[in-house]
């Protein structure tokens, strides 16, 4: 989501609220327990998401990292 917010220009003050509205009901229930404060910071929401779903790289980060890598015809994958 952070990549989406960056590309679309969502101001940091609105990112947590936008994310809360963008996720499905199941994810919303996991991230925002009943009775918990709904007005949280983007950093707090990121912490909750990473704690719940893991710390993997985003698709954009992976694409940037592997963009220039191409396997040559007679080159094994391990040689890269």
PDB file of N, CA and C in Angstrom:
ATOM      1  N   UNK A   1       0.816  -1.195   0.000  1.00  0.00           N
ATOM      2  CA  UNK A   1       0.000   0.000   0.000  1.00  0.00           C
ATOM      3  C   UNK A   1       0.857   1.255   0.000  1.00  0.00           C
ATOM      4  N   UNK A   2       1.988   1.171   0.681  1.00  0.00           N
ATOM      5  CA  UNK A   2       2.848   2.349   0.761  1.00  0.00           C
ATOM      6  C   UNK A   2       3.270   2.803  -0.630  1.00  0.00           C
ATOM      7  N   UNK A   3       3.567   1.844  -1.517  1.00  0.00           N
ATOM      8  CA  UNK A   3       3.916   2.181  -2.895  1.00  0.00           C
ATOM      9  C   UNK A   3       2.747   2.867  -3.595  1.00  0.00           C
ATOM     10  N   UNK A   4       1.548   2.365  -3.386  1.00  0.00           N
ATOM     11  CA  UNK A   4       0.349   2.960  -3.978  1.00  0.00           C
ATOM     12  C   UNK A   4       0.172   4.401  -3.500  1.00  0.00           C
ATOM     13  N   UNK A   5       0.327   4.625  -2.194  1.00  0.00           N
ATOM     14  CA  UNK A   5       0.185   5.981  -1.659  1.00  0.00           C
ATOM     15  C   UNK A   5       1.235   6.917  -2.240  1.00  0.00           C
ATOM     16  N   UNK A   6       2.443   6.416  -2.411  1.00  0.00           N
ATOM     17  CA  UNK A   6       3.516   7.238  -2.974  1.00  0.00           C
ATOM     18  C   UNK A   6       3.174   7.647  -4.403  1.00  0.00           C
ATOM     19  N   UNK A   7       2.755   6.674  -5.204  1.00  0.00           N
ATOM     20  CA  UNK A   7       2.454   6.937  -6.613  1.00  0.00           C
ATOM     21  C   UNK A   7       1.244   7.850  -6.772  1.00  0.00           C
ATOM     22  N   UNK A   8       0.219   7.667  -5.954  1.00  0.00           N
ATOM     23  CA  UNK A   8      -1.006   8.450  -6.105  1.00  0.00           C
ATOM     24  C   UNK A   8      -0.989   9.760  -5.328  1.00  0.00           C
ATOM     25  N   UNK A   9       0.042   9.982  -4.519  1.00  0.00           N
ATOM     26  CA  UNK A   9       0.176  11.254  -3.815  1.00  0.00           C
ATOM     27  C   UNK A   9      -0.743  11.439  -2.622  1.00  0.00           C
ATOM     28  N   UNK A  10      -1.135  10.345  -1.965  1.00  0.00           N
ATOM     29  CA  UNK A  10      -1.968  10.465  -0.763  1.00  0.00           C
ATOM     30  C   UNK A  10      -1.120  11.100   0.335  1.00  0.00           C
ATOM     31  N   UNK A  11      -1.571  12.210   0.933  1.00  0.00           N
ATOM     32  CA  UNK A  11      -0.787  12.858   1.987  1.00  0.00           C
ATOM     33  C   UNK A  11      -0.607  11.930   3.186  1.00  0.00           C
ATOM     34  N   UNK A  12       0.531  12.027   3.849  1.00  0.00           N
ATOM     35  CA  UNK A  12       0.829  11.125   4.965  1.00  0.00           C
ATOM     36  C   UNK A  12      -0.213  11.218   6.069  1.00  0.00           C
ATOM     37  N   UNK A  13      -0.828  12.374   6.218  1.00  0.00           N
ATOM     38  CA  UNK A  13      -1.836  12.535   7.267  1.00  0.00           C
ATOM     39  C   UNK A  13      -3.112  11.740   6.982  1.00  0.00           C
ATOM     40  N   UNK A  14      -3.306  11.301   5.737  1.00  0.00           N
ATOM     41  CA  UNK A  14      -4.508  10.549   5.363  1.00  0.00           C
ATOM     42  C   UNK A  14      -4.230   9.082   5.045  1.00  0.00           C
ATOM     43  N   UNK A  15      -2.977   8.652   5.116  1.00  0.00           N
ATOM     44  CA  UNK A  15      -2.633   7.303   4.675  1.00  0.00           C
ATOM     45  C   UNK A  15      -3.269   6.209   5.524  1.00  0.00           C
ATOM     46  N   UNK A  16      -3.232   6.332   6.844  1.00  0.00           N
ATOM     47  CA  UNK A  16      -3.801   5.283   7.702  1.00  0.00           C
ATOM     48  C   UNK A  16      -5.306   5.157   7.480  1.00  0.00           C
ATOM     49  N   UNK A  17      -6.000   6.286   7.394  1.00  0.00           N
ATOM     50  CA  UNK A  17      -7.450   6.250   7.172  1.00  0.00           C
ATOM     51  C   UNK A  17      -7.768   5.663   5.796  1.00  0.00           C
ATOM     52  N   UNK A  18      -6.982   6.025   4.779  1.00  0.00           N
ATOM     53  CA  UNK A  18      -7.193   5.479   3.436  1.00  0.00           C
ATOM     54  C   UNK A  18      -6.961   3.978   3.415  1.00  0.00           C
ATOM     55  N   UNK A  19      -5.927   3.528   4.110  1.00  0.00           N
ATOM     56  CA  UNK A  19      -5.634   2.092   4.162  1.00  0.00           C
ATOM     57  C   UNK A  19      -6.750   1.343   4.873  1.00  0.00           C
ATOM     58  N   UNK A  20      -7.234   1.895   5.971  1.00  0.00           N
ATOM     59  CA  UNK A  20      -8.311   1.249   6.727  1.00  0.00           C
ATOM     60  C   UNK A  20      -9.548   1.067   5.854  1.00  0.00           C
ATOM     61  N   UNK A  21      -9.839   2.059   5.023  1.00  0.00           N
ATOM     62  CA  UNK A  21     -11.009   1.980   4.150  1.00  0.00           C
ATOM     63  C   UNK A  21     -10.775   1.070   2.944  1.00  0.00           C
ATOM     64  N   UNK A  22      -9.506   0.831   2.594  1.00  0.00           N
ATOM     65  CA  UNK A  22      -9.176   0.051   1.402  1.00  0.00           C
ATOM     66  C   UNK A  22      -9.105  -1.447   1.639  1.00  0.00           C
ATOM     67  N   UNK A  23      -8.877  -1.868   2.871  1.00  0.00           N
ATOM     68  CA  UNK A  23      -8.733  -3.307   3.137  1.00  0.00           C
ATOM     69  C   UNK A  23     -10.102  -3.947   3.325  1.00  0.00           C
ATOM     70  N   UNK A  24     -10.151  -5.243   3.136  1.00  0.00           N
ATOM     71  CA  UNK A  24     -11.396  -5.982   3.301  1.00  0.00           C
ATOM     72  C   UNK A  24     -11.782  -6.132   4.762  1.00  0.00           C
ATOM     73  N   UNK A  25     -12.988  -6.637   4.977  1.00  0.00           N
ATOM     74  CA  UNK A  25     -13.515  -6.789   6.340  1.00  0.00           C
ATOM     75  C   UNK A  25     -12.645  -7.679   7.216  1.00  0.00           C
ATOM     76  N   UNK A  26     -12.161  -8.796   6.669  1.00  0.00           N
ATOM     77  CA  UNK A  26     -11.354  -9.728   7.471  1.00  0.00           C
ATOM     78  C   UNK A  26     -10.059  -9.066   7.935  1.00  0.00           C
ATOM     79  N   UNK A  27      -9.387  -8.373   7.041  1.00  0.00           N
ATOM     80  CA  UNK A  27      -8.140  -7.686   7.410  1.00  0.00           C
ATOM     81  C   UNK A  27      -8.425  -6.558   8.391  1.00  0.00           C
ATOM     82  N   UNK A  28      -9.521  -5.860   8.180  1.00  0.00           N
ATOM     83  CA  UNK A  28      -9.882  -4.763   9.085  1.00  0.00           C
ATOM     84  C   UNK A  28     -10.124  -5.284  10.499  1.00  0.00           C
ATOM     85  N   UNK A  29     -10.783  -6.441  10.608  1.00  0.00           N
ATOM     86  CA  UNK A  29     -11.026  -7.032  11.935  1.00  0.00           C
ATOM     87  C   UNK A  29      -9.721  -7.431  12.612  1.00  0.00           C
ATOM     88  N   UNK A  30      -8.759  -7.936  11.830  1.00  0.00           N
ATOM     89  CA  UNK A  30      -7.469  -8.328  12.407  1.00  0.00           C
ATOM     90  C   UNK A  30      -6.661  -7.120  12.851  1.00  0.00           C
ATOM     91  N   UNK A  31      -6.677  -6.070  12.050  1.00  0.00           N
ATOM     92  CA  UNK A  31      -5.827  -4.906  12.324  1.00  0.00           C
ATOM     93  C   UNK A  31      -6.441  -3.929  13.315  1.00  0.00           C
ATOM     94  N   UNK A  32      -7.767  -3.881  13.364  1.00  0.00           N
ATOM     95  CA  UNK A  32      -8.459  -2.943  14.251  1.00  0.00           C
ATOM     96  C   UNK A  32      -9.420  -3.729  15.131  1.00  0.00           C
ATOM     97  N   UNK A  33      -8.924  -4.183  16.266  1.00  0.00           N
ATOM     98  CA  UNK A  33      -9.766  -4.976  17.161  1.00  0.00           C
ATOM     99  C   UNK A  33     -10.944  -4.144  17.656  1.00  0.00           C
ATOM    100  N   UNK A  34     -12.016  -4.831  18.014  1.00  0.00           N
ATOM    101  CA  UNK A  34     -13.236  -4.176  18.468  1.00  0.00           C
ATOM    102  C   UNK A  34     -12.947  -3.285  19.675  1.00  0.00           C
ATOM    103  N   UNK A  35     -13.344  -2.050  19.604  1.00  0.00           N
ATOM    104  CA  UNK A  35     -13.147  -1.107  20.695  1.00  0.00           C
ATOM    105  C   UNK A  35     -11.813  -0.380  20.667  1.00  0.00           C
ATOM    106  N   UNK A  36     -10.904  -0.788  19.780  1.00  0.00           N
ATOM    107  CA  UNK A  36      -9.599  -0.123  19.692  1.00  0.00           C
ATOM    108  C   UNK A  36      -9.744   1.201  18.949  1.00  0.00           C
ATOM    109  N   UNK A  37      -8.801   2.081  19.188  1.00  0.00           N
ATOM    110  CA  UNK A  37      -8.816   3.389  18.516  1.00  0.00           C
ATOM    111  C   UNK A  37      -8.700   3.196  17.010  1.00  0.00           C
ATOM    112  N   UNK A  38      -9.531   3.873  16.257  1.00  0.00           N
ATOM    113  CA  UNK A  38      -9.500   3.771  14.799  1.00  0.00           C
ATOM    114  C   UNK A  38      -8.637   4.860  14.188  1.00  0.00           C
ATOM    115  N   UNK A  39      -8.365   5.897  14.951  1.00  0.00           N
ATOM    116  CA  UNK A  39      -7.574   7.015  14.452  1.00  0.00           C
ATOM    117  C   UNK A  39      -6.117   6.808  14.865  1.00  0.00           C
ATOM    118  N   UNK A  40      -5.389   6.020  14.064  1.00  0.00           N
ATOM    119  CA  UNK A  40      -3.998   5.731  14.376  1.00  0.00           C
ATOM    120  C   UNK A  40      -3.100   6.322  13.304  1.00  0.00           C
ATOM    121  N   UNK A  41      -1.815   6.392  13.587  1.00  0.00           N
ATOM    122  CA  UNK A  41      -0.865   6.939  12.616  1.00  0.00           C
ATOM    123  C   UNK A  41      -0.529   5.884  11.561  1.00  0.00           C
ATOM    124  N   UNK A  42       0.040   6.359  10.461  1.00  0.00           N
ATOM    125  CA  UNK A  42       0.474   5.459   9.396  1.00  0.00           C
ATOM    126  C   UNK A  42       1.544   4.508   9.923  1.00  0.00           C
ATOM    127  N   UNK A  43       2.476   5.013  10.731  1.00  0.00           N
ATOM    128  CA  UNK A  43       3.535   4.163  11.282  1.00  0.00           C
ATOM    129  C   UNK A  43       2.963   3.059  12.171  1.00  0.00           C
ATOM    130  N   UNK A  44       1.949   3.383  12.968  1.00  0.00           N
ATOM    131  CA  UNK A  44       1.311   2.375  13.811  1.00  0.00           C
ATOM    132  C   UNK A  44       0.607   1.332  12.951  1.00  0.00           C
ATOM    133  N   UNK A  45      -0.061   1.764  11.881  1.00  0.00           N
ATOM    134  CA  UNK A  45      -0.731   0.815  10.995  1.00  0.00           C
ATOM    135  C   UNK A  45       0.288  -0.088  10.307  1.00  0.00           C
ATOM    136  N   UNK A  46       1.400   0.488   9.832  1.00  0.00           N
ATOM    137  CA  UNK A  46       2.447  -0.327   9.211  1.00  0.00           C
ATOM    138  C   UNK A  46       2.968  -1.365  10.196  1.00  0.00           C
ATOM    139  N   UNK A  47       3.183  -0.974  11.453  1.00  0.00           N
ATOM    140  CA  UNK A  47       3.669  -1.905  12.469  1.00  0.00           C
ATOM    141  C   UNK A  47       2.682  -3.059  12.644  1.00  0.00           C
ATOM    142  N   UNK A  48       1.394  -2.728  12.715  1.00  0.00           N
ATOM    143  CA  UNK A  48       0.367  -3.769  12.874  1.00  0.00           C
ATOM    144  C   UNK A  48       0.338  -4.713  11.678  1.00  0.00           C
ATOM    145  N   UNK A  49       0.426  -4.153  10.468  1.00  0.00           N
ATOM    146  CA  UNK A  49       0.400  -4.980   9.260  1.00  0.00           C
ATOM    147  C   UNK A  49       1.612  -5.903   9.225  1.00  0.00           C
ATOM    148  N   UNK A  50       2.796  -5.358   9.492  1.00  0.00           N
ATOM    149  CA  UNK A  50       4.007  -6.173   9.465  1.00  0.00           C
ATOM    150  C   UNK A  50       3.994  -7.235  10.552  1.00  0.00           C
ATOM    151  N   UNK A  51       3.493  -6.900  11.727  1.00  0.00           N
ATOM    152  CA  UNK A  51       3.395  -7.889  12.803  1.00  0.00           C
ATOM    153  C   UNK A  51       2.414  -9.002  12.443  1.00  0.00           C
ATOM    154  N   UNK A  52       1.351  -8.648  11.730  1.00  0.00           N
ATOM    155  CA  UNK A  52       0.320  -9.623  11.380  1.00  0.00           C
ATOM    156  C   UNK A  52       0.696 -10.465  10.162  1.00  0.00           C
ATOM    157  N   UNK A  53       1.224  -9.821   9.117  1.00  0.00           N
ATOM    158  CA  UNK A  53       1.421 -10.510   7.847  1.00  0.00           C
ATOM    159  C   UNK A  53       2.875 -10.751   7.463  1.00  0.00           C
ATOM    160  N   UNK A  54       3.842 -10.233   8.190  1.00  0.00           N
ATOM    161  CA  UNK A  54       5.248 -10.481   7.887  1.00  0.00           C
ATOM    162  C   UNK A  54       5.945  -9.275   7.287  1.00  0.00           C
ATOM    163  N   UNK A  55       7.243  -9.446   7.089  1.00  0.00           N
ATOM    164  CA  UNK A  55       8.102  -8.346   6.661  1.00  0.00           C
ATOM    165  C   UNK A  55       8.679  -8.574   5.261  1.00  0.00           C
ATOM    166  N   UNK A  56       7.908  -9.056   4.315  1.00  0.00           N
ATOM    167  CA  UNK A  56       8.398  -9.304   2.964  1.00  0.00           C
ATOM    168  C   UNK A  56       8.539  -8.022   2.160  1.00  0.00           C
ATOM    169  N   UNK A  57       9.267  -8.118   1.049  1.00  0.00           N
ATOM    170  CA  UNK A  57       9.438  -6.963   0.175  1.00  0.00           C
ATOM    171  C   UNK A  57       8.191  -6.782  -0.693  1.00  0.00           C
ATOM    172  N   UNK A  58       7.886  -5.536  -1.022  1.00  0.00           N
ATOM    173  CA  UNK A  58       6.747  -5.267  -1.898  1.00  0.00           C
ATOM    174  C   UNK A  58       7.097  -5.665  -3.329  1.00  0.00           C
ATOM    175  N   UNK A  59       6.089  -5.808  -4.167  1.00  0.00           N
ATOM    176  CA  UNK A  59       6.323  -6.169  -5.563  1.00  0.00           C
ATOM    177  C   UNK A  59       7.151  -5.116  -6.278  1.00  0.00           C
ATOM    178  N   UNK A  60       6.943  -3.858  -5.963  1.00  0.00           N
ATOM    179  CA  UNK A  60       7.716  -2.791  -6.605  1.00  0.00           C
ATOM    180  C   UNK A  60       9.173  -2.874  -6.172  1.00  0.00           C
ATOM    181  N   UNK A  61       9.442  -3.115  -4.885  1.00  0.00           N
ATOM    182  CA  UNK A  61      10.819  -3.258  -4.418  1.00  0.00           C
ATOM    183  C   UNK A  61      11.502  -4.432  -5.110  1.00  0.00           C
ATOM    184  N   UNK A  62      10.798  -5.549  -5.255  1.00  0.00           N
ATOM    185  CA  UNK A  62      11.370  -6.706  -5.939  1.00  0.00           C
ATOM    186  C   UNK A  62      11.640  -6.406  -7.411  1.00  0.00           C
ATOM    187  N   UNK A  63      10.717  -5.730  -8.073  1.00  0.00           N
ATOM    188  CA  UNK A  63      10.895  -5.393  -9.484  1.00  0.00           C
ATOM    189  C   UNK A  63      12.101  -4.490  -9.684  1.00  0.00           C
ATOM    190  N   UNK A  64      12.274  -3.499  -8.824  1.00  0.00           N
ATOM    191  CA  UNK A  64      13.423  -2.596  -8.926  1.00  0.00           C
ATOM    192  C   UNK A  64      14.718  -3.375  -8.712  1.00  0.00           C
ATOM    193  N   UNK A  65      14.715  -4.260  -7.722  1.00  0.00           N
ATOM    194  CA  UNK A  65      15.932  -5.010  -7.395  1.00  0.00           C
ATOM    195  C   UNK A  65      16.330  -5.960  -8.521  1.00  0.00           C
ATOM    196  N   UNK A  66      15.355  -6.610  -9.165  1.00  0.00           N
ATOM    197  CA  UNK A  66      15.660  -7.607 -10.180  1.00  0.00           C
ATOM    198  C   UNK A  66      15.532  -7.092 -11.613  1.00  0.00           C
ATOM    199  N   UNK A  67      15.204  -5.830 -11.804  1.00  0.00           N
ATOM    200  CA  UNK A  67      14.947  -5.275 -13.126  1.00  0.00           C
ATOM    201  C   UNK A  67      16.118  -5.479 -14.087  1.00  0.00           C
ATOM    202  N   UNK A  68      17.326  -5.195 -13.645  1.00  0.00           N
ATOM    203  CA  UNK A  68      18.478  -5.279 -14.539  1.00  0.00           C
ATOM    204  C   UNK A  68      19.069  -6.667 -14.678  1.00  0.00           C
ATOM    205  N   UNK A  69      18.582  -7.627 -13.942  1.00  0.00           N
ATOM    206  CA  UNK A  69      19.143  -8.972 -13.986  1.00  0.00           C
ATOM    207  C   UNK A  69      18.491  -9.788 -15.097  1.00  0.00           C
ATOM    208  N   UNK A  70      19.323 -10.290 -15.988  1.00  0.00           N
ATOM    209  CA  UNK A  70      18.818 -11.154 -17.056  1.00  0.00           C
ATOM    210  C   UNK A  70      19.776 -12.317 -17.214  1.00  0.00           C
ATOM    211  N   UNK A  71      19.240 -13.490 -17.382  1.00  0.00           N
ATOM    212  CA  UNK A  71      20.057 -14.684 -17.555  1.00  0.00           C
ATOM    213  C   UNK A  71      20.495 -14.773 -19.011  1.00  0.00           C
ATOM    214  N   UNK A  72      21.808 -14.935 -19.218  1.00  0.00           N
ATOM    215  CA  UNK A  72      22.319 -15.107 -20.574  1.00  0.00           C
ATOM    216  C   UNK A  72      22.070 -16.539 -21.034  1.00  0.00           C
ATOM    217  N   UNK A  73      22.169 -16.753 -22.336  1.00  0.00           N
ATOM    218  CA  UNK A  73      21.819 -18.037 -22.938  1.00  0.00           C
ATOM    219  C   UNK A  73      22.537 -19.220 -22.276  1.00  0.00           C
ATOM    220  N   UNK A  74      23.836 -19.145 -22.089  1.00  0.00           N
ATOM    221  CA  UNK A  74      24.604 -20.271 -21.546  1.00  0.00           C
ATOM    222  C   UNK A  74      24.978 -20.070 -20.085  1.00  0.00           C
ATOM    223  N   UNK A  75      24.259 -19.269 -19.382  1.00  0.00           N
ATOM    224  CA  UNK A  75      24.583 -18.952 -17.989  1.00  0.00           C
ATOM    225  C   UNK A  75      23.577 -19.623 -17.055  1.00  0.00           C
ATOM    226  N   UNK A  76      24.111 -20.278 -16.036  1.00  0.00           N
ATOM    227  CA  UNK A  76      23.200 -20.888 -15.065  1.00  0.00           C
ATOM    228  C   UNK A  76      22.666 -19.806 -14.135  1.00  0.00           C
ATOM    229  N   UNK A  77      21.587 -20.103 -13.467  1.00  0.00           N
ATOM    230  CA  UNK A  77      20.998 -19.144 -12.534  1.00  0.00           C
ATOM    231  C   UNK A  77      21.969 -18.844 -11.407  1.00  0.00           C
ATOM    232  N   UNK A  78      22.724 -19.824 -10.973  1.00  0.00           N
ATOM    233  CA  UNK A  78      23.661 -19.635  -9.862  1.00  0.00           C
ATOM    234  C   UNK A  78      24.810 -18.708 -10.213  1.00  0.00           C
ATOM    235  N   UNK A  79      25.140 -18.545 -11.491  1.00  0.00           N
ATOM    236  CA  UNK A  79      26.227 -17.656 -11.903  1.00  0.00           C
ATOM    237  C   UNK A  79      25.846 -16.192 -11.776  1.00  0.00           C
ATOM    238  N   UNK A  80      24.588 -15.883 -11.669  1.00  0.00           N
ATOM    239  CA  UNK A  80      24.135 -14.494 -11.545  1.00  0.00           C
ATOM    240  C   UNK A  80      24.424 -14.059 -10.183  1.00  0.00           C
TER     241      UNK A  80
END
